[in-house]
Amino acid sequence: MKLGFVMRDVVVAAALLFAATNSGATAEPNLGSWRVDTGADGQVTASLHASNKLITGGGALGYSPVLTLACRPDGDPRWSEWLQLNDSVSATRKITISVAVDGGSKFDESWAVGPRGRQLVREGDDGIKRLVSANRLTLSWRFGLLSGRGEADFQLAGLSEAVGLIAASCKTDPP
């Protein structure tokens, strides 16, 4: 008899779990591969790994750069974007990044070089605004005069939902 109660409880728990996971009552936004997070300082971010790998360490290792979009609830500028790298660029203040959206023609932008040259930063909402309706973003830059170029390709599925979620958390309008 005791085994019967245990089995019944297992079946009931499984049925409740199945109902909860398949319920349409709480529709989550489809963020694709975007990861949304809130920092201790209130900054809300959405991050995405590049679909390609950059080779580092003499060709022994590879990594995917990470694109992060951020909103500061009380900051100015409120919106920013940055590219996280494992290898540093040789520039100290600004770097020119070649940008292509949805495979269109390339244009150049100036991005600030962050800590230890491993983060490239662009402040303001205009960069994010151009991406909201895009499907693909390609960024290209030089690591140094003799070091070659880096390129990161991002598939932006779920971006508009991620930006909407960031804006709501930041209590502002999306760019």
C-alpha atoms as a PDB file:
ATOM      1  CA  MET A   1       0.000   0.000   0.000  1.00  0.00           C
ATOM      2  CA  LYS A   2       2.858   2.382   0.853  1.00  0.00           C
ATOM      3  CA  LEU A   3       4.383   1.848  -2.614  1.00  0.00           C
ATOM      4  CA  GLY A   4       1.016   2.737  -4.187  1.00  0.00           C
ATOM      5  CA  PHE A   5       0.963   6.143  -2.458  1.00  0.00           C
ATOM      6  CA  VAL A   6       4.556   6.850  -3.500  1.00  0.00           C
ATOM      7  CA  MET A   7       3.850   5.938  -7.139  1.00  0.00           C
ATOM      8  CA  ARG A   8       0.698   8.057  -7.124  1.00  0.00           C
ATOM      9  CA  ASP A   9       2.685  11.030  -5.774  1.00  0.00           C
ATOM     10  CA  VAL A  10       5.327  10.553  -8.484  1.00  0.00           C
ATOM     11  CA  VAL A  11       2.675  10.433 -11.208  1.00  0.00           C
ATOM     12  CA  VAL A  12       0.923  13.552  -9.831  1.00  0.00           C
ATOM     13  CA  ALA A  13       4.236  15.439  -9.578  1.00  0.00           C
ATOM     14  CA  ALA A  14       5.155  14.466 -13.140  1.00  0.00           C
ATOM     15  CA  ALA A  15       1.739  15.576 -14.416  1.00  0.00           C
ATOM     16  CA  LEU A  16       2.062  18.941 -12.640  1.00  0.00           C
ATOM     17  CA  LEU A  17       5.578  19.456 -14.001  1.00  0.00           C
ATOM     18  CA  PHE A  18       4.416  18.598 -17.524  1.00  0.00           C
ATOM     19  CA  ALA A  19       1.451  20.996 -17.240  1.00  0.00           C
ATOM     20  CA  ALA A  20       3.643  23.788 -15.889  1.00  0.00           C
ATOM     21  CA  THR A  21       6.268  23.470 -18.629  1.00  0.00           C
ATOM     22  CA  ASN A  22       3.712  23.231 -21.430  1.00  0.00           C
ATOM     23  CA  SER A  23       1.364  25.939 -20.185  1.00  0.00           C
ATOM     24  CA  GLY A  24       0.821  28.848 -22.561  1.00  0.00           C
ATOM     25  CA  ALA A  25      -0.215  31.117 -19.690  1.00  0.00           C
ATOM     26  CA  THR A  26       3.240  32.644 -19.169  1.00  0.00           C
ATOM     27  CA  ALA A  27       4.704  33.400 -22.581  1.00  0.00           C
ATOM     28  CA  GLU A  28       8.412  34.135 -22.318  1.00  0.00           C
ATOM     29  CA  PRO A  29       9.947  36.384 -24.981  1.00  0.00           C
ATOM     30  CA  ASN A  30      11.983  34.510 -27.587  1.00  0.00           C
ATOM     31  CA  LEU A  31      15.471  35.858 -26.918  1.00  0.00           C
ATOM     32  CA  GLY A  32      17.267  33.438 -29.231  1.00  0.00           C
ATOM     33  CA  SER A  33      20.839  33.093 -27.928  1.00  0.00           C
ATOM     34  CA  TRP A  34      20.822  36.421 -26.057  1.00  0.00           C
ATOM     35  CA  ARG A  35      21.574  36.259 -22.331  1.00  0.00           C
ATOM     36  CA  VAL A  36      19.950  39.067 -20.293  1.00  0.00           C
ATOM     37  CA  ASP A  37      21.369  39.999 -16.892  1.00  0.00           C
ATOM     38  CA  THR A  38      21.157  42.769 -14.286  1.00  0.00           C
ATOM     39  CA  GLY A  39      24.300  43.888 -12.471  1.00  0.00           C
ATOM     40  CA  ALA A  40      24.595  44.948  -8.849  1.00  0.00           C
ATOM     41  CA  ASP A  41      24.736  48.576 -10.025  1.00  0.00           C
ATOM     42  CA  GLY A  42      21.366  48.209 -11.805  1.00  0.00           C
ATOM     43  CA  GLN A  43      22.867  48.112 -15.304  1.00  0.00           C
ATOM     44  CA  VAL A  44      20.864  45.748 -17.523  1.00  0.00           C
ATOM     45  CA  THR A  45      22.726  43.878 -20.264  1.00  0.00           C
ATOM     46  CA  ALA A  46      22.027  41.481 -23.119  1.00  0.00           C
ATOM     47  CA  SER A  47      25.018  39.490 -24.393  1.00  0.00           C
ATOM     48  CA  LEU A  48      25.536  37.326 -27.462  1.00  0.00           C
ATOM     49  CA  HIS A  49      28.527  35.198 -28.531  1.00  0.00           C
ATOM     50  CA  ALA A  50      29.741  35.573 -32.109  1.00  0.00           C
ATOM     51  CA  SER A  51      28.893  32.690 -34.426  1.00  0.00           C
ATOM     52  CA  ASN A  52      32.537  32.486 -35.518  1.00  0.00           C
ATOM     53  CA  LYS A  53      35.747  31.823 -33.585  1.00  0.00           C
ATOM     54  CA  LEU A  54      38.898  33.936 -33.452  1.00  0.00           C
ATOM     55  CA  ILE A  55      42.149  32.005 -33.174  1.00  0.00           C
ATOM     56  CA  THR A  56      44.458  32.982 -30.310  1.00  0.00           C
ATOM     57  CA  GLY A  57      47.611  31.662 -28.648  1.00  0.00           C
ATOM     58  CA  GLY A  58      49.526  30.920 -31.850  1.00  0.00           C
ATOM     59  CA  GLY A  59      46.561  29.091 -33.356  1.00  0.00           C
ATOM     60  CA  ALA A  60      46.135  26.640 -30.496  1.00  0.00           C
ATOM     61  CA  LEU A  61      42.918  28.056 -29.035  1.00  0.00           C
ATOM     62  CA  GLY A  62      39.809  29.731 -30.375  1.00  0.00           C
ATOM     63  CA  TYR A  63      37.143  31.891 -28.778  1.00  0.00           C
ATOM     64  CA  SER A  64      34.009  33.746 -29.765  1.00  0.00           C
ATOM     65  CA  PRO A  65      33.940  37.491 -29.070  1.00  0.00           C
ATOM     66  CA  VAL A  66      30.905  38.654 -27.073  1.00  0.00           C
ATOM     67  CA  LEU A  67      28.684  41.579 -28.060  1.00  0.00           C
ATOM     68  CA  THR A  68      26.914  43.216 -25.114  1.00  0.00           C
ATOM     69  CA  LEU A  69      24.178  45.841 -25.231  1.00  0.00           C
ATOM     70  CA  ALA A  70      23.591  47.728 -21.991  1.00  0.00           C
ATOM     71  CA  CYS A  71      21.250  50.223 -20.383  1.00  0.00           C
ATOM     72  CA  ARG A  72      22.000  52.213 -17.227  1.00  0.00           C
ATOM     73  CA  PRO A  73      18.817  53.206 -15.358  1.00  0.00           C
ATOM     74  CA  ASP A  74      20.312  56.493 -14.154  1.00  0.00           C
ATOM     75  CA  GLY A  75      23.278  56.875 -16.474  1.00  0.00           C
ATOM     76  CA  ASP A  76      24.245  59.286 -19.177  1.00  0.00           C
ATOM     77  CA  PRO A  77      24.582  58.036 -21.802  1.00  0.00           C
ATOM     78  CA  ARG A  78      21.903  55.551 -20.925  1.00  0.00           C
ATOM     79  CA  TRP A  79      22.679  53.001 -23.698  1.00  0.00           C
ATOM     80  CA  SER A  80      25.988  51.499 -24.773  1.00  0.00           C
ATOM     81  CA  GLU A  81      27.390  48.492 -26.592  1.00  0.00           C
ATOM     82  CA  TRP A  82      30.704  46.743 -26.259  1.00  0.00           C
ATOM     83  CA  LEU A  83      32.697  43.922 -27.778  1.00  0.00           C
ATOM     84  CA  GLN A  84      34.613  41.657 -25.373  1.00  0.00           C
ATOM     85  CA  LEU A  85      37.832  40.096 -26.731  1.00  0.00           C
ATOM     86  CA  ASN A  86      40.380  37.648 -25.317  1.00  0.00           C
ATOM     87  CA  ASP A  87      43.265  39.201 -27.274  1.00  0.00           C
ATOM     88  CA  SER A  88      44.016  42.868 -26.765  1.00  0.00           C
ATOM     89  CA  VAL A  89      44.204  45.468 -29.517  1.00  0.00           C
ATOM     90  CA  SER A  90      47.278  47.694 -29.650  1.00  0.00           C
ATOM     91  CA  ALA A  91      45.294  50.969 -29.709  1.00  0.00           C
ATOM     92  CA  THR A  92      45.018  52.910 -26.459  1.00  0.00           C
ATOM     93  CA  ARG A  93      42.068  55.305 -26.827  1.00  0.00           C
ATOM     94  CA  LYS A  94      40.074  54.797 -30.021  1.00  0.00           C
ATOM     95  CA  ILE A  95      39.887  52.136 -32.690  1.00  0.00           C
ATOM     96  CA  THR A  96      38.126  52.092 -36.044  1.00  0.00           C
ATOM     97  CA  ILE A  97      35.701  49.228 -36.488  1.00  0.00           C
ATOM     98  CA  SER A  98      34.259  48.329 -39.857  1.00  0.00           C
ATOM     99  CA  VAL A  99      30.541  47.531 -39.515  1.00  0.00           C
ATOM    100  CA  ALA A 100      28.201  45.655 -41.877  1.00  0.00           C
ATOM    101  CA  VAL A 101      24.520  45.144 -41.051  1.00  0.00           C
ATOM    102  CA  ASP A 102      22.612  42.370 -42.863  1.00  0.00           C
ATOM    103  CA  GLY A 103      25.437  41.923 -45.365  1.00  0.00           C
ATOM    104  CA  GLY A 104      25.110  45.510 -46.602  1.00  0.00           C
ATOM    105  CA  SER A 105      27.951  47.843 -47.438  1.00  0.00           C
ATOM    106  CA  LYS A 106      30.557  48.400 -44.735  1.00  0.00           C
ATOM    107  CA  PHE A 107      30.977  51.670 -42.881  1.00  0.00           C
ATOM    108  CA  ASP A 108      33.500  52.735 -40.239  1.00  0.00           C
ATOM    109  CA  GLU A 109      32.825  53.734 -36.634  1.00  0.00           C
ATOM    110  CA  SER A 110      35.105  54.924 -33.862  1.00  0.00           C
ATOM    111  CA  TRP A 111      34.944  52.814 -30.680  1.00  0.00           C
ATOM    112  CA  ALA A 112      36.755  53.475 -27.400  1.00  0.00           C
ATOM    113  CA  VAL A 113      39.314  50.953 -26.203  1.00  0.00           C
ATOM    114  CA  GLY A 114      38.482  49.604 -22.755  1.00  0.00           C
ATOM    115  CA  PRO A 115      40.542  48.020 -19.975  1.00  0.00           C
ATOM    116  CA  ARG A 116      43.732  46.249 -21.114  1.00  0.00           C
ATOM    117  CA  GLY A 117      42.628  46.661 -24.751  1.00  0.00           C
ATOM    118  CA  ARG A 118      40.244  43.711 -24.499  1.00  0.00           C
ATOM    119  CA  GLN A 119      36.997  45.620 -24.639  1.00  0.00           C
ATOM    120  CA  LEU A 120      35.835  47.921 -27.432  1.00  0.00           C
ATOM    121  CA  VAL A 121      33.055  50.309 -26.361  1.00  0.00           C
ATOM    122  CA  ARG A 122      30.544  52.519 -28.169  1.00  0.00           C
ATOM    123  CA  GLU A 123      28.290  54.833 -26.148  1.00  0.00           C
ATOM    124  CA  GLY A 124      24.808  55.986 -27.182  1.00  0.00           C
ATOM    125  CA  ASP A 125      21.672  54.407 -28.568  1.00  0.00           C
ATOM    126  CA  ASP A 126      22.240  55.005 -32.303  1.00  0.00           C
ATOM    127  CA  GLY A 127      24.274  51.795 -32.720  1.00  0.00           C
ATOM    128  CA  ILE A 128      21.597  49.745 -31.000  1.00  0.00           C
ATOM    129  CA  LYS A 129      18.849  51.498 -32.957  1.00  0.00           C
ATOM    130  CA  ARG A 130      20.338  50.353 -36.285  1.00  0.00           C
ATOM    131  CA  LEU A 131      20.404  46.733 -35.070  1.00  0.00           C
ATOM    132  CA  VAL A 132      16.848  46.309 -33.737  1.00  0.00           C
ATOM    133  CA  SER A 133      15.426  45.282 -37.118  1.00  0.00           C
ATOM    134  CA  ALA A 134      18.619  43.558 -38.339  1.00  0.00           C
ATOM    135  CA  ASN A 135      19.316  39.838 -38.629  1.00  0.00           C
ATOM    136  CA  ARG A 136      23.113  39.890 -38.817  1.00  0.00           C
ATOM    137  CA  LEU A 137      25.977  42.097 -37.674  1.00  0.00           C
ATOM    138  CA  THR A 138      29.605  41.805 -38.764  1.00  0.00           C
ATOM    139  CA  LEU A 139      32.336  43.779 -36.973  1.00  0.00           C
ATOM    140  CA  SER A 140      35.915  43.906 -38.235  1.00  0.00           C
ATOM    141  CA  TRP A 141      38.971  45.600 -36.667  1.00  0.00           C
ATOM    142  CA  ARG A 142      42.779  45.561 -36.618  1.00  0.00           C
ATOM    143  CA  PHE A 143      44.531  44.110 -33.579  1.00  0.00           C
ATOM    144  CA  GLY A 144      47.650  46.134 -34.402  1.00  0.00           C
ATOM    145  CA  LEU A 145      49.809  47.300 -37.268  1.00  0.00           C
ATOM    146  CA  LEU A 146      51.356  43.869 -37.889  1.00  0.00           C
ATOM    147  CA  SER A 147      48.913  41.668 -35.979  1.00  0.00           C
ATOM    148  CA  GLY A 148      46.169  41.277 -38.559  1.00  0.00           C
ATOM    149  CA  ARG A 149      42.432  41.722 -38.433  1.00  0.00           C
ATOM    150  CA  GLY A 150      39.727  40.315 -36.235  1.00  0.00           C
ATOM    151  CA  GLU A 151      36.177  39.756 -37.362  1.00  0.00           C
ATOM    152  CA  ALA A 152      33.085  38.831 -35.373  1.00  0.00           C
ATOM    153  CA  ASP A 153      29.835  37.712 -36.971  1.00  0.00           C
ATOM    154  CA  PHE A 154      26.623  37.843 -34.921  1.00  0.00           C
ATOM    155  CA  GLN A 155      23.271  36.245 -35.755  1.00  0.00           C
ATOM    156  CA  LEU A 156      20.836  38.670 -34.088  1.00  0.00           C
ATOM    157  CA  ALA A 157      17.718  36.482 -33.699  1.00  0.00           C
ATOM    158  CA  GLY A 158      15.774  37.645 -30.641  1.00  0.00           C
ATOM    159  CA  LEU A 159      17.463  41.062 -30.489  1.00  0.00           C
ATOM    160  CA  SER A 160      14.303  43.195 -30.571  1.00  0.00           C
ATOM    161  CA  GLU A 161      12.846  41.118 -27.716  1.00  0.00           C
ATOM    162  CA  ALA A 162      16.094  41.434 -25.722  1.00  0.00           C
ATOM    163  CA  VAL A 163      16.209  45.217 -26.259  1.00  0.00           C
ATOM    164  CA  GLY A 164      12.547  45.466 -25.224  1.00  0.00           C
ATOM    165  CA  LEU A 165      13.285  43.511 -22.050  1.00  0.00           C
ATOM    166  CA  ILE A 166      16.324  45.694 -21.281  1.00  0.00           C
ATOM    167  CA  ALA A 167      14.325  48.885 -21.845  1.00  0.00           C
ATOM    168  CA  ALA A 168      11.485  47.683 -19.596  1.00  0.00           C
ATOM    169  CA  SER A 169      13.946  46.744 -16.838  1.00  0.00           C
ATOM    170  CA  CYS A 170      15.664  50.112 -17.267  1.00  0.00           C
ATOM    171  CA  LYS A 171      12.273  51.908 -17.259  1.00  0.00           C
ATOM    172  CA  THR A 172      12.924  53.680 -20.557  1.00  0.00           C
ATOM    173  CA  ASP A 173      11.878  53.488 -24.189  1.00  0.00           C
ATOM    174  CA  PRO A 174      13.807  51.198 -26.544  1.00  0.00           C
ATOM    175  CA  PRO A 175      16.133  53.008 -28.952  1.00  0.00           C
END
